[in-house]
Amino acid sequence: MLEPAAEDGTPTPERLPSGYRGILALFEEAASGLLVKDVCQALDTGLEPRHIESTRAKLERLVRRGILTEPEPGLFTLTKHTPGTPEANPS
């Protein structure tokens, strides 16, 4: 499973909480991007607005950490890093 790792000698970020690891596992298995509702359905969290917005917030946090991207509104994909290119650090 993906864990954000520092390759430039900086300290490794702390391990993600289990809810985030479950989300990343979905994206690792997905052939393409996922919509928030797809993630909610796959995790069996429910499709009520409170569940969708909670999941959206988690996905957006992963985007800010450079783990996921949002190529179009509501569609999330794993960030593809090319070898030799430093990972984006949004801080």
Foldseek 3Di string as FASTA:
>chain_A
DDADQDPPPDDGDDGDPPVLVLLVVVQVPDPAWDFLVRSCVVVVVDDPPVSSVVSVVSQVVCVQQQQWPPPDPRTIHGHDDDPPDDGDGND
